[in-house]
Structures are given as C-alpha cells and as structure tokens.
Amino acid sequence: MTKFNTAFLPAALATLMLSATSVPVSAASWLRLGTFTSRPYGHVDYCVRHIRDCGVRMKHTALPPARLAVLEQINRAVNLAITPVTDEEQYGRYEVWKLNAKAGDCEDYALEKRAQLMRKGFHPENLLLAMTHTGTEFHTVLVVRTRVGDFVLDNLTEEVLPVSASRLDFIKVQSPDHGGNWLKVTGKTSAAPKASTS
C-alpha cells in the first residue's frame, strides 16, 4: 500500500471552485455502489480489534453539507502528523490497519481522518474507507459523502477532490449501512444516494 505523502499541491484553486456555495448541483458526483465484495485483509483484522466500529450503522435522513474547510484542514493536518512508513518496515507484516498511529501507511491516514471527522460531527455512514488503484499500486483513501457529491481525502495530496476529479481507480468501498461490509464500485453517478428513512 502507498505510504508517501510527498509533493502536496496548492489547494486554493480547488477550495474556490468546490466550496459548498459554488458547486453547481449538476457538477455533483457520487460513487455508484454495487454488490457485496471481499473485505481487505487488513480491515478484517482491524474489525477483530475494533468490533464496535464494524457493525450496523445508524441511518440519518439526509446527506450532510460538504464543510470543505473542515475536510481540507483535517486532511492536511493528518497528512503532516503521521510519518509515512510501510507495515513491513514497522511491523514485519503486510497489512496492519491502526488507529491513532504516529507512523503508518495509507490505511492509517484514512482511519485517523475518519476518527477526527467523527469528532467534528460527521456520521460514520458518510465516511467510507475505499480501496483504489493509482495506476501502479493499490491505495486506500477516505471518501466523504455529502449533499454536493463524494470527496476524496488522500495522504498523497493536501487537495480534497471530488470523485469526479480524482484520477484514482475506485475498486471497492465500505458499505454505508454496515462498517464491516464492502461493496464493489461500479462507476460514478450524478444521482445522489437515496436518503435513509430510518
């Protein structure tokens, strides 16, 4: 998995273009989720240690506002706070997903961002771990679901991008309904996910 958080790119232009007040509804894009798929081994092991984080999720009636300033602040802060190192180097194992890591790889960055956003009031069903491919290797990011689209928080850049602008190939993502399940990503859509009624 990717570990390096090198070459941060300026986020000012993205912030200007993607603020919640300036994103046209027609520009919004969400990941289209398909059927159940295999769980990443590291997440299976994580759920053994964090059972309460991997069950049925409470449902809310509407997607939240984007709050891009908060997303950008946490993305940037976590990218700077965690020292990049592979699991093989740190633990002698291929996959170890860890919360509150001082050093780690892409999954550890994503888990920490998720934890910090929950403390800011974001709900777990809108904070989805996602497995992607960069073109050269597999890479885990955090996808944040909002009423103006899905946004990607990535340890490789300080920019918070909508999925429509991301160059990552999205393979599978956590289910919004159950933290222990994963779903195939079948594409991207301009149709907002249906709001829960319970």
N, C-alpha and C. Protein backbone atom coordinates (compact mmCIF):
# COMPACT_ATOMS: atom_id res chain seq x y z
N MET A 1 0.83 -1.20 0.00
CA MET A 1 0.00 0.00 0.00
C MET A 1 0.87 1.26 0.00
N THR A 2 0.36 2.34 -0.54
CA THR A 2 1.11 3.58 -0.66
C THR A 2 1.38 4.19 0.70
N LYS A 3 2.59 4.71 0.90
CA LYS A 3 2.91 5.33 2.18
C LYS A 3 3.28 6.79 2.06
N PHE A 4 3.73 7.27 0.91
CA PHE A 4 4.35 8.59 0.83
C PHE A 4 3.33 9.71 0.68
N ASN A 5 3.53 10.78 1.47
CA ASN A 5 2.67 11.96 1.36
C ASN A 5 3.48 13.11 0.78
N THR A 6 4.10 12.86 -0.36
CA THR A 6 5.02 13.82 -0.97
C THR A 6 4.30 14.81 -1.86
N ALA A 7 4.97 15.92 -2.13
CA ALA A 7 4.56 16.87 -3.18
C ALA A 7 3.12 17.33 -3.03
N PHE A 8 2.81 17.92 -1.86
CA PHE A 8 1.47 18.49 -1.69
C PHE A 8 1.25 19.57 -2.74
N LEU A 9 0.07 19.60 -3.31
CA LEU A 9 -0.27 20.59 -4.33
C LEU A 9 -1.11 21.69 -3.73
N PRO A 10 -1.02 22.92 -4.24
CA PRO A 10 -1.82 24.01 -3.68
C PRO A 10 -3.30 23.70 -3.76
N ALA A 11 -4.02 24.01 -2.67
CA ALA A 11 -5.45 23.70 -2.62
C ALA A 11 -6.33 24.93 -2.83
N ALA A 12 -5.72 26.08 -3.02
CA ALA A 12 -6.53 27.31 -3.08
C ALA A 12 -7.53 27.28 -4.23
N LEU A 13 -7.08 26.83 -5.41
CA LEU A 13 -7.97 26.80 -6.55
C LEU A 13 -9.12 25.83 -6.34
N ALA A 14 -8.80 24.65 -5.79
CA ALA A 14 -9.85 23.67 -5.53
C ALA A 14 -10.85 24.20 -4.52
N THR A 15 -10.35 24.88 -3.50
CA THR A 15 -11.24 25.44 -2.49
C THR A 15 -12.20 26.44 -3.11
N LEU A 16 -11.67 27.31 -4.00
CA LEU A 16 -12.50 28.31 -4.64
C LEU A 16 -13.58 27.67 -5.50
N MET A 17 -13.19 26.64 -6.26
CA MET A 17 -14.11 26.02 -7.20
C MET A 17 -15.12 25.11 -6.54
N LEU A 18 -14.75 24.53 -5.38
CA LEU A 18 -15.57 23.47 -4.81
C LEU A 18 -16.25 23.84 -3.51
N SER A 19 -16.28 25.11 -3.16
CA SER A 19 -16.97 25.49 -1.94
C SER A 19 -18.43 25.11 -2.05
N ALA A 20 -19.05 24.84 -0.90
CA ALA A 20 -20.43 24.34 -0.90
C ALA A 20 -21.39 25.29 -1.58
N THR A 21 -21.03 26.56 -1.59
CA THR A 21 -21.94 27.55 -2.18
C THR A 21 -21.74 27.71 -3.67
N SER A 22 -20.61 27.19 -4.21
CA SER A 22 -20.32 27.43 -5.61
C SER A 22 -20.43 26.18 -6.48
N VAL A 23 -20.55 24.99 -5.87
CA VAL A 23 -20.65 23.79 -6.68
C VAL A 23 -22.03 23.68 -7.27
N PRO A 24 -22.17 23.74 -8.60
CA PRO A 24 -23.49 23.57 -9.20
C PRO A 24 -23.98 22.16 -8.97
N VAL A 25 -25.29 22.00 -8.74
CA VAL A 25 -25.84 20.69 -8.46
C VAL A 25 -25.49 19.70 -9.57
N SER A 26 -25.49 20.17 -10.83
CA SER A 26 -25.21 19.29 -11.95
C SER A 26 -23.79 18.77 -11.96
N ALA A 27 -22.87 19.43 -11.21
CA ALA A 27 -21.48 19.01 -11.18
C ALA A 27 -21.23 17.95 -10.11
N ALA A 28 -22.20 17.71 -9.23
CA ALA A 28 -22.01 16.77 -8.14
C ALA A 28 -21.87 15.35 -8.68
N SER A 29 -21.02 14.56 -8.03
CA SER A 29 -20.81 13.19 -8.46
C SER A 29 -20.58 12.31 -7.25
N TRP A 30 -21.18 11.13 -7.29
CA TRP A 30 -21.03 10.15 -6.21
C TRP A 30 -20.55 8.83 -6.79
N LEU A 31 -19.88 8.03 -5.96
CA LEU A 31 -19.54 6.69 -6.39
C LEU A 31 -20.81 5.86 -6.49
N ARG A 32 -20.92 5.07 -7.55
CA ARG A 32 -22.04 4.15 -7.70
C ARG A 32 -21.63 2.82 -7.07
N LEU A 33 -22.40 2.38 -6.08
CA LEU A 33 -22.04 1.19 -5.31
C LEU A 33 -22.83 -0.01 -5.80
N GLY A 34 -22.14 -1.16 -5.89
CA GLY A 34 -22.76 -2.37 -6.39
C GLY A 34 -22.96 -3.41 -5.31
N THR A 35 -22.65 -4.65 -5.64
CA THR A 35 -22.92 -5.78 -4.75
C THR A 35 -21.78 -5.96 -3.74
N PHE A 36 -22.04 -6.84 -2.76
CA PHE A 36 -21.03 -7.15 -1.76
C PHE A 36 -19.80 -7.74 -2.42
N THR A 37 -18.64 -7.45 -1.82
CA THR A 37 -17.38 -7.97 -2.33
C THR A 37 -16.48 -8.34 -1.16
N SER A 38 -15.31 -8.84 -1.46
CA SER A 38 -14.39 -9.28 -0.41
C SER A 38 -13.91 -8.10 0.43
N ARG A 39 -13.61 -8.39 1.68
CA ARG A 39 -13.09 -7.37 2.60
C ARG A 39 -11.57 -7.39 2.56
N PRO A 40 -10.93 -6.23 2.58
CA PRO A 40 -9.46 -6.22 2.66
C PRO A 40 -9.00 -6.94 3.92
N TYR A 41 -7.93 -7.74 3.81
CA TYR A 41 -7.47 -8.50 4.97
C TYR A 41 -7.18 -7.58 6.15
N GLY A 42 -6.53 -6.46 5.90
CA GLY A 42 -6.20 -5.55 6.99
C GLY A 42 -7.42 -5.05 7.72
N HIS A 43 -8.54 -4.87 7.00
CA HIS A 43 -9.76 -4.40 7.64
C HIS A 43 -10.41 -5.52 8.45
N VAL A 44 -10.32 -6.76 7.98
CA VAL A 44 -10.82 -7.89 8.76
C VAL A 44 -10.11 -7.95 10.11
N ASP A 45 -8.80 -7.82 10.08
CA ASP A 45 -8.00 -7.84 11.31
C ASP A 45 -8.34 -6.63 12.18
N TYR A 46 -8.53 -5.46 11.56
CA TYR A 46 -8.91 -4.25 12.30
C TYR A 46 -10.24 -4.47 13.03
N CYS A 47 -11.20 -5.12 12.36
CA CYS A 47 -12.52 -5.31 12.97
C CYS A 47 -12.47 -6.28 14.15
N VAL A 48 -11.53 -7.20 14.16
CA VAL A 48 -11.37 -8.07 15.32
C VAL A 48 -10.99 -7.25 16.54
N ARG A 49 -10.19 -6.22 16.32
CA ARG A 49 -9.72 -5.36 17.42
C ARG A 49 -10.67 -4.20 17.72
N HIS A 50 -11.57 -3.89 16.77
CA HIS A 50 -12.49 -2.75 16.92
C HIS A 50 -13.89 -3.19 16.50
N ILE A 51 -14.46 -4.11 17.24
CA ILE A 51 -15.75 -4.71 16.85
C ILE A 51 -16.84 -3.66 16.74
N ARG A 52 -16.88 -2.71 17.65
CA ARG A 52 -17.95 -1.70 17.65
C ARG A 52 -17.89 -0.78 16.44
N ASP A 53 -16.75 -0.77 15.77
CA ASP A 53 -16.57 0.11 14.60
C ASP A 53 -16.97 -0.59 13.31
N CYS A 54 -17.39 -1.84 13.41
CA CYS A 54 -17.58 -2.65 12.21
C CYS A 54 -18.95 -3.31 12.15
N GLY A 55 -19.96 -2.65 12.69
CA GLY A 55 -21.30 -3.22 12.68
C GLY A 55 -22.29 -2.36 11.92
N VAL A 56 -23.57 -2.62 12.20
CA VAL A 56 -24.65 -1.86 11.56
C VAL A 56 -24.53 -0.40 11.96
N ARG A 57 -24.74 0.51 11.00
CA ARG A 57 -24.61 1.93 11.26
C ARG A 57 -25.96 2.60 11.36
N MET A 58 -26.05 3.55 12.27
CA MET A 58 -27.27 4.35 12.39
C MET A 58 -27.48 5.12 11.10
N LYS A 59 -28.74 5.21 10.68
CA LYS A 59 -29.06 5.90 9.44
C LYS A 59 -29.64 7.28 9.74
N HIS A 60 -29.28 8.26 8.92
CA HIS A 60 -29.79 9.61 9.05
C HIS A 60 -30.56 9.99 7.79
N THR A 61 -31.37 10.99 7.89
CA THR A 61 -32.35 11.27 6.83
C THR A 61 -31.81 12.04 5.64
N ALA A 62 -30.64 12.65 5.76
CA ALA A 62 -30.14 13.46 4.65
C ALA A 62 -28.62 13.47 4.65
N LEU A 63 -28.05 13.63 3.47
CA LEU A 63 -26.61 13.79 3.36
C LEU A 63 -26.21 15.14 3.95
N PRO A 64 -25.01 15.25 4.53
CA PRO A 64 -24.59 16.49 5.16
C PRO A 64 -24.03 17.49 4.16
N PRO A 65 -23.89 18.76 4.56
CA PRO A 65 -23.17 19.72 3.71
C PRO A 65 -21.70 19.30 3.62
N ALA A 66 -21.02 19.82 2.63
CA ALA A 66 -19.65 19.38 2.39
C ALA A 66 -18.68 19.83 3.49
N ARG A 67 -18.82 21.05 3.99
CA ARG A 67 -17.90 21.58 5.01
C ARG A 67 -16.45 21.41 4.55
N LEU A 68 -16.17 21.90 3.34
CA LEU A 68 -14.88 21.67 2.72
C LEU A 68 -13.71 22.22 3.52
N ALA A 69 -13.91 23.33 4.21
CA ALA A 69 -12.81 23.89 5.01
C ALA A 69 -12.39 22.90 6.09
N VAL A 70 -13.37 22.21 6.69
CA VAL A 70 -13.06 21.21 7.71
C VAL A 70 -12.35 20.02 7.08
N LEU A 71 -12.85 19.56 5.94
CA LEU A 71 -12.22 18.42 5.27
C LEU A 71 -10.77 18.74 4.90
N GLU A 72 -10.54 19.93 4.39
CA GLU A 72 -9.19 20.31 3.99
C GLU A 72 -8.26 20.44 5.20
N GLN A 73 -8.78 21.01 6.28
CA GLN A 73 -7.95 21.19 7.48
C GLN A 73 -7.53 19.84 8.05
N ILE A 74 -8.45 18.90 8.14
CA ILE A 74 -8.13 17.60 8.71
C ILE A 74 -7.27 16.79 7.77
N ASN A 75 -7.55 16.84 6.49
CA ASN A 75 -6.71 16.13 5.52
C ASN A 75 -5.26 16.60 5.62
N ARG A 76 -5.08 17.90 5.65
CA ARG A 76 -3.73 18.47 5.72
C ARG A 76 -3.05 18.13 7.05
N ALA A 77 -3.78 18.28 8.15
CA ALA A 77 -3.19 18.06 9.47
C ALA A 77 -2.76 16.61 9.66
N VAL A 78 -3.61 15.67 9.26
CA VAL A 78 -3.25 14.26 9.42
C VAL A 78 -2.11 13.87 8.49
N ASN A 79 -2.11 14.39 7.27
CA ASN A 79 -1.01 14.10 6.35
C ASN A 79 0.33 14.54 6.92
N LEU A 80 0.33 15.63 7.67
CA LEU A 80 1.57 16.13 8.26
C LEU A 80 1.91 15.43 9.56
N ALA A 81 0.90 14.93 10.28
CA ALA A 81 1.12 14.37 11.62
C ALA A 81 1.67 12.95 11.60
N ILE A 82 1.31 12.16 10.57
CA ILE A 82 1.72 10.76 10.51
C ILE A 82 2.97 10.63 9.64
N THR A 83 3.98 9.96 10.18
CA THR A 83 5.20 9.71 9.42
C THR A 83 4.99 8.52 8.49
N PRO A 84 5.24 8.69 7.20
CA PRO A 84 5.00 7.58 6.27
C PRO A 84 5.99 6.44 6.44
N VAL A 85 5.46 5.23 6.63
CA VAL A 85 6.30 4.03 6.74
C VAL A 85 5.43 2.84 6.37
N THR A 86 5.99 1.83 5.74
CA THR A 86 5.20 0.67 5.35
C THR A 86 4.98 -0.25 6.56
N ASP A 87 3.94 -1.08 6.46
CA ASP A 87 3.68 -2.05 7.52
C ASP A 87 4.81 -3.07 7.63
N GLU A 88 5.41 -3.44 6.50
CA GLU A 88 6.53 -4.37 6.54
C GLU A 88 7.69 -3.81 7.33
N GLU A 89 7.96 -2.51 7.13
CA GLU A 89 9.05 -1.87 7.87
C GLU A 89 8.73 -1.72 9.35
N GLN A 90 7.48 -1.41 9.65
CA GLN A 90 7.11 -1.11 11.04
C GLN A 90 6.75 -2.35 11.86
N TYR A 91 6.05 -3.30 11.22
CA TYR A 91 5.55 -4.46 11.97
C TYR A 91 6.08 -5.79 11.46
N GLY A 92 6.71 -5.79 10.30
CA GLY A 92 7.14 -7.04 9.71
C GLY A 92 5.98 -7.84 9.14
N ARG A 93 4.85 -7.17 8.88
CA ARG A 93 3.65 -7.79 8.32
C ARG A 93 3.17 -6.96 7.14
N TYR A 94 2.43 -7.63 6.23
CA TYR A 94 1.99 -6.94 5.02
C TYR A 94 0.91 -5.92 5.28
N GLU A 95 -0.06 -6.25 6.15
CA GLU A 95 -1.20 -5.36 6.37
C GLU A 95 -1.52 -5.23 7.85
N VAL A 96 -1.37 -4.03 8.40
CA VAL A 96 -1.80 -3.71 9.76
C VAL A 96 -2.49 -2.35 9.70
N TRP A 97 -3.80 -2.33 9.97
CA TRP A 97 -4.56 -1.08 9.99
C TRP A 97 -4.67 -0.62 11.44
N LYS A 98 -4.23 0.60 11.72
CA LYS A 98 -4.14 1.04 13.11
C LYS A 98 -4.68 2.44 13.29
N LEU A 99 -5.48 2.62 14.34
CA LEU A 99 -5.95 3.94 14.75
C LEU A 99 -4.89 4.62 15.60
N ASN A 100 -4.91 5.95 15.62
CA ASN A 100 -4.01 6.75 16.45
C ASN A 100 -2.54 6.46 16.15
N ALA A 101 -2.24 6.20 14.89
CA ALA A 101 -0.87 5.89 14.50
C ALA A 101 -0.03 7.15 14.43
N LYS A 102 1.20 7.06 14.90
CA LYS A 102 2.16 8.14 14.75
C LYS A 102 2.95 7.98 13.45
N ALA A 103 3.02 6.73 12.99
CA ALA A 103 3.66 6.42 11.73
C ALA A 103 2.84 5.31 11.07
N GLY A 104 2.76 5.33 9.75
CA GLY A 104 1.97 4.30 9.09
C GLY A 104 1.84 4.56 7.60
N ASP A 105 0.96 3.76 6.96
CA ASP A 105 0.73 3.92 5.53
C ASP A 105 -0.69 4.38 5.27
N CYS A 106 -1.15 4.23 4.02
CA CYS A 106 -2.37 4.93 3.59
C CYS A 106 -3.60 4.60 4.43
N GLU A 107 -3.76 3.33 4.85
CA GLU A 107 -4.93 2.99 5.65
C GLU A 107 -4.95 3.72 6.99
N ASP A 108 -3.78 3.89 7.58
CA ASP A 108 -3.69 4.54 8.88
C ASP A 108 -4.06 6.03 8.78
N TYR A 109 -3.66 6.66 7.68
CA TYR A 109 -4.07 8.04 7.44
C TYR A 109 -5.59 8.13 7.31
N ALA A 110 -6.17 7.21 6.53
CA ALA A 110 -7.62 7.24 6.30
C ALA A 110 -8.39 7.01 7.58
N LEU A 111 -7.94 6.06 8.41
CA LEU A 111 -8.61 5.78 9.68
C LEU A 111 -8.55 6.99 10.62
N GLU A 112 -7.41 7.66 10.66
CA GLU A 112 -7.28 8.81 11.54
C GLU A 112 -8.15 9.97 11.07
N LYS A 113 -8.22 10.19 9.77
CA LYS A 113 -9.09 11.25 9.24
C LYS A 113 -10.54 10.95 9.57
N ARG A 114 -10.93 9.70 9.42
CA ARG A 114 -12.30 9.29 9.74
C ARG A 114 -12.61 9.58 11.22
N ALA A 115 -11.69 9.20 12.10
CA ALA A 115 -11.91 9.42 13.54
C ALA A 115 -12.03 10.91 13.86
N GLN A 116 -11.17 11.72 13.25
CA GLN A 116 -11.22 13.16 13.54
C GLN A 116 -12.48 13.80 12.98
N LEU A 117 -12.94 13.35 11.82
CA LEU A 117 -14.16 13.91 11.25
C LEU A 117 -15.39 13.51 12.06
N MET A 118 -15.38 12.32 12.63
CA MET A 118 -16.50 11.94 13.50
C MET A 118 -16.54 12.85 14.73
N ARG A 119 -15.38 13.22 15.23
CA ARG A 119 -15.36 14.15 16.37
C ARG A 119 -15.85 15.53 15.98
N LYS A 120 -15.85 15.84 14.68
CA LYS A 120 -16.36 17.12 14.17
C LYS A 120 -17.84 17.03 13.81
N GLY A 121 -18.46 15.88 14.05
CA GLY A 121 -19.90 15.77 13.82
C GLY A 121 -20.31 15.02 12.57
N PHE A 122 -19.36 14.54 11.76
CA PHE A 122 -19.70 13.73 10.60
C PHE A 122 -20.15 12.34 11.07
N HIS A 123 -21.10 11.74 10.36
CA HIS A 123 -21.61 10.43 10.74
C HIS A 123 -20.84 9.32 10.03
N PRO A 124 -20.67 8.18 10.70
CA PRO A 124 -19.87 7.09 10.11
C PRO A 124 -20.35 6.63 8.75
N GLU A 125 -21.67 6.64 8.50
CA GLU A 125 -22.16 6.13 7.21
C GLU A 125 -21.77 7.03 6.04
N ASN A 126 -21.25 8.23 6.34
CA ASN A 126 -20.79 9.14 5.29
C ASN A 126 -19.27 9.23 5.21
N LEU A 127 -18.59 8.39 5.97
CA LEU A 127 -17.12 8.36 6.00
C LEU A 127 -16.68 6.96 5.62
N LEU A 128 -16.37 6.75 4.35
CA LEU A 128 -16.17 5.41 3.82
C LEU A 128 -14.72 5.17 3.41
N LEU A 129 -14.11 4.15 3.99
CA LEU A 129 -12.81 3.72 3.53
C LEU A 129 -12.97 3.14 2.12
N ALA A 130 -12.04 3.45 1.25
CA ALA A 130 -12.15 3.00 -0.14
C ALA A 130 -10.81 2.46 -0.62
N MET A 131 -10.84 1.31 -1.28
CA MET A 131 -9.64 0.78 -1.90
C MET A 131 -9.62 1.22 -3.36
N THR A 132 -8.49 1.76 -3.78
CA THR A 132 -8.33 2.28 -5.13
C THR A 132 -7.05 1.72 -5.74
N HIS A 133 -6.83 2.09 -6.98
CA HIS A 133 -5.55 1.79 -7.61
C HIS A 133 -5.03 3.08 -8.25
N THR A 134 -3.77 3.37 -8.00
CA THR A 134 -3.18 4.61 -8.50
C THR A 134 -2.71 4.51 -9.94
N GLY A 135 -2.68 3.30 -10.48
CA GLY A 135 -2.07 3.05 -11.77
C GLY A 135 -0.81 2.23 -11.63
N THR A 136 -0.24 2.26 -10.41
CA THR A 136 0.96 1.46 -10.13
C THR A 136 0.80 0.57 -8.91
N GLU A 137 -0.13 0.90 -7.99
CA GLU A 137 -0.30 0.10 -6.78
C GLU A 137 -1.66 0.37 -6.15
N PHE A 138 -2.06 -0.55 -5.26
CA PHE A 138 -3.29 -0.37 -4.51
C PHE A 138 -3.09 0.71 -3.45
N HIS A 139 -4.17 1.42 -3.15
CA HIS A 139 -4.05 2.60 -2.28
C HIS A 139 -5.40 2.87 -1.61
N THR A 140 -5.39 3.06 -0.29
CA THR A 140 -6.62 3.30 0.46
C THR A 140 -6.78 4.78 0.78
N VAL A 141 -7.98 5.29 0.58
CA VAL A 141 -8.31 6.69 0.87
C VAL A 141 -9.61 6.73 1.67
N LEU A 142 -9.97 7.91 2.13
CA LEU A 142 -11.25 8.13 2.78
C LEU A 142 -12.16 8.89 1.83
N VAL A 143 -13.37 8.37 1.61
CA VAL A 143 -14.37 9.06 0.80
C VAL A 143 -15.43 9.63 1.74
N VAL A 144 -15.70 10.92 1.60
CA VAL A 144 -16.70 11.60 2.42
C VAL A 144 -17.92 11.90 1.56
N ARG A 145 -19.07 11.36 1.96
CA ARG A 145 -20.32 11.58 1.22
C ARG A 145 -20.99 12.85 1.73
N THR A 146 -21.36 13.73 0.79
CA THR A 146 -22.02 14.98 1.14
C THR A 146 -23.16 15.22 0.16
N ARG A 147 -23.95 16.24 0.43
CA ARG A 147 -25.09 16.55 -0.45
C ARG A 147 -24.66 17.12 -1.79
N VAL A 148 -23.37 17.52 -1.91
CA VAL A 148 -22.87 18.03 -3.19
C VAL A 148 -21.87 17.07 -3.82
N GLY A 149 -21.88 15.81 -3.39
CA GLY A 149 -21.03 14.80 -4.00
C GLY A 149 -20.09 14.13 -3.02
N ASP A 150 -19.39 13.13 -3.52
CA ASP A 150 -18.37 12.42 -2.75
C ASP A 150 -17.02 13.11 -2.91
N PHE A 151 -16.29 13.24 -1.80
CA PHE A 151 -14.98 13.88 -1.82
C PHE A 151 -13.92 12.92 -1.29
N VAL A 152 -12.69 13.06 -1.81
CA VAL A 152 -11.61 12.13 -1.51
C VAL A 152 -10.56 12.81 -0.64
N LEU A 153 -10.26 12.19 0.51
CA LEU A 153 -9.16 12.63 1.37
C LEU A 153 -8.05 11.61 1.23
N ASP A 154 -6.88 12.08 0.79
CA ASP A 154 -5.80 11.20 0.34
C ASP A 154 -4.49 11.65 0.98
N ASN A 155 -3.69 10.70 1.46
CA ASN A 155 -2.42 11.08 2.07
C ASN A 155 -1.37 11.48 1.04
N LEU A 156 -1.67 11.33 -0.25
CA LEU A 156 -0.71 11.72 -1.28
C LEU A 156 -0.84 13.17 -1.70
N THR A 157 -1.90 13.85 -1.24
CA THR A 157 -2.09 15.25 -1.61
C THR A 157 -2.89 15.96 -0.53
N GLU A 158 -2.66 17.26 -0.39
CA GLU A 158 -3.46 18.04 0.56
C GLU A 158 -4.76 18.52 -0.06
N GLU A 159 -4.91 18.36 -1.37
CA GLU A 159 -6.15 18.74 -2.02
C GLU A 159 -7.26 17.76 -1.67
N VAL A 160 -8.44 18.29 -1.39
CA VAL A 160 -9.63 17.47 -1.22
C VAL A 160 -10.41 17.57 -2.52
N LEU A 161 -10.46 16.48 -3.26
CA LEU A 161 -11.04 16.49 -4.59
C LEU A 161 -12.37 15.75 -4.63
N PRO A 162 -13.30 16.21 -5.47
CA PRO A 162 -14.50 15.41 -5.72
C PRO A 162 -14.10 14.15 -6.48
N VAL A 163 -14.86 13.07 -6.32
CA VAL A 163 -14.50 11.83 -7.01
C VAL A 163 -14.46 12.03 -8.52
N SER A 164 -15.25 12.97 -9.02
CA SER A 164 -15.27 13.23 -10.47
C SER A 164 -13.94 13.77 -10.96
N ALA A 165 -13.14 14.38 -10.08
CA ALA A 165 -11.85 14.96 -10.48
C ALA A 165 -10.68 14.07 -10.09
N SER A 166 -10.94 13.01 -9.33
CA SER A 166 -9.86 12.13 -8.88
C SER A 166 -9.38 11.24 -10.01
N ARG A 167 -8.08 11.02 -10.07
CA ARG A 167 -7.51 10.12 -11.08
C ARG A 167 -7.39 8.69 -10.57
N LEU A 168 -7.82 8.45 -9.35
CA LEU A 168 -7.76 7.10 -8.79
C LEU A 168 -8.80 6.20 -9.43
N ASP A 169 -8.48 4.93 -9.52
CA ASP A 169 -9.43 3.93 -9.98
C ASP A 169 -10.07 3.31 -8.74
N PHE A 170 -11.35 3.60 -8.50
CA PHE A 170 -12.02 3.12 -7.29
C PHE A 170 -12.49 1.68 -7.51
N ILE A 171 -12.08 0.79 -6.61
CA ILE A 171 -12.35 -0.64 -6.75
C ILE A 171 -13.48 -1.09 -5.83
N LYS A 172 -13.37 -0.77 -4.54
CA LYS A 172 -14.40 -1.15 -3.58
C LYS A 172 -14.38 -0.18 -2.41
N VAL A 173 -15.48 -0.16 -1.68
CA VAL A 173 -15.67 0.83 -0.62
C VAL A 173 -16.50 0.20 0.49
N GLN A 174 -16.30 0.71 1.71
CA GLN A 174 -17.14 0.27 2.82
C GLN A 174 -18.61 0.53 2.53
N SER A 175 -19.47 -0.36 3.01
CA SER A 175 -20.90 -0.12 2.89
C SER A 175 -21.32 1.01 3.83
N PRO A 176 -22.13 1.94 3.35
CA PRO A 176 -22.64 2.98 4.25
C PRO A 176 -23.51 2.41 5.38
N ASP A 177 -24.09 1.22 5.15
CA ASP A 177 -25.03 0.65 6.11
C ASP A 177 -24.38 -0.24 7.17
N HIS A 178 -23.17 -0.75 6.89
CA HIS A 178 -22.53 -1.70 7.80
C HIS A 178 -21.02 -1.54 7.68
N GLY A 179 -20.38 -1.18 8.80
CA GLY A 179 -18.96 -0.89 8.76
C GLY A 179 -18.07 -2.07 8.47
N GLY A 180 -18.61 -3.30 8.57
CA GLY A 180 -17.81 -4.48 8.31
C GLY A 180 -17.97 -5.03 6.91
N ASN A 181 -18.86 -4.46 6.12
CA ASN A 181 -19.10 -4.94 4.76
C ASN A 181 -18.48 -3.99 3.74
N TRP A 182 -18.12 -4.57 2.59
CA TRP A 182 -17.55 -3.79 1.50
C TRP A 182 -18.35 -4.04 0.23
N LEU A 183 -18.45 -3.01 -0.60
CA LEU A 183 -19.22 -3.07 -1.84
C LEU A 183 -18.34 -2.75 -3.04
N LYS A 184 -18.65 -3.37 -4.18
CA LYS A 184 -17.95 -3.03 -5.42
C LYS A 184 -18.31 -1.60 -5.84
N VAL A 185 -17.37 -0.91 -6.43
CA VAL A 185 -17.64 0.38 -7.06
C VAL A 185 -17.83 0.12 -8.54
N THR A 186 -18.99 0.50 -9.06
CA THR A 186 -19.33 0.19 -10.44
C THR A 186 -19.25 1.41 -11.36
N GLY A 187 -18.83 2.54 -10.81
CA GLY A 187 -18.71 3.75 -11.61
C GLY A 187 -19.01 4.97 -10.79
N LYS A 188 -19.36 6.05 -11.47
CA LYS A 188 -19.72 7.30 -10.81
C LYS A 188 -21.04 7.76 -11.37
N THR A 189 -21.78 8.52 -10.57
CA THR A 189 -23.12 8.92 -10.99
C THR A 189 -23.42 10.33 -10.50
N SER A 190 -24.27 11.03 -11.24
CA SER A 190 -24.72 12.36 -10.82
C SER A 190 -25.99 12.26 -9.98
N ALA A 191 -26.49 11.03 -9.78
CA ALA A 191 -27.70 10.84 -8.96
C ALA A 191 -27.28 10.65 -7.50
N ALA A 192 -27.79 11.50 -6.63
CA ALA A 192 -27.44 11.42 -5.21
C ALA A 192 -27.94 10.12 -4.61
N PRO A 193 -27.17 9.54 -3.67
CA PRO A 193 -27.66 8.35 -2.97
C PRO A 193 -28.99 8.64 -2.29
N LYS A 194 -29.88 7.67 -2.27
CA LYS A 194 -31.17 7.87 -1.65
C LYS A 194 -31.02 8.05 -0.16
N ALA A 195 -31.75 9.03 0.38
CA ALA A 195 -31.70 9.28 1.82
C ALA A 195 -32.37 8.14 2.55
N SER A 196 -31.82 7.81 3.73
CA SER A 196 -32.43 6.77 4.54
C SER A 196 -33.72 7.29 5.15
N THR A 197 -34.62 6.38 5.42
CA THR A 197 -35.89 6.76 6.03
C THR A 197 -36.01 6.26 7.45
N SER A 198 -34.96 5.63 7.95
CA SER A 198 -34.99 5.13 9.33
C SER A 198 -33.71 5.47 10.04
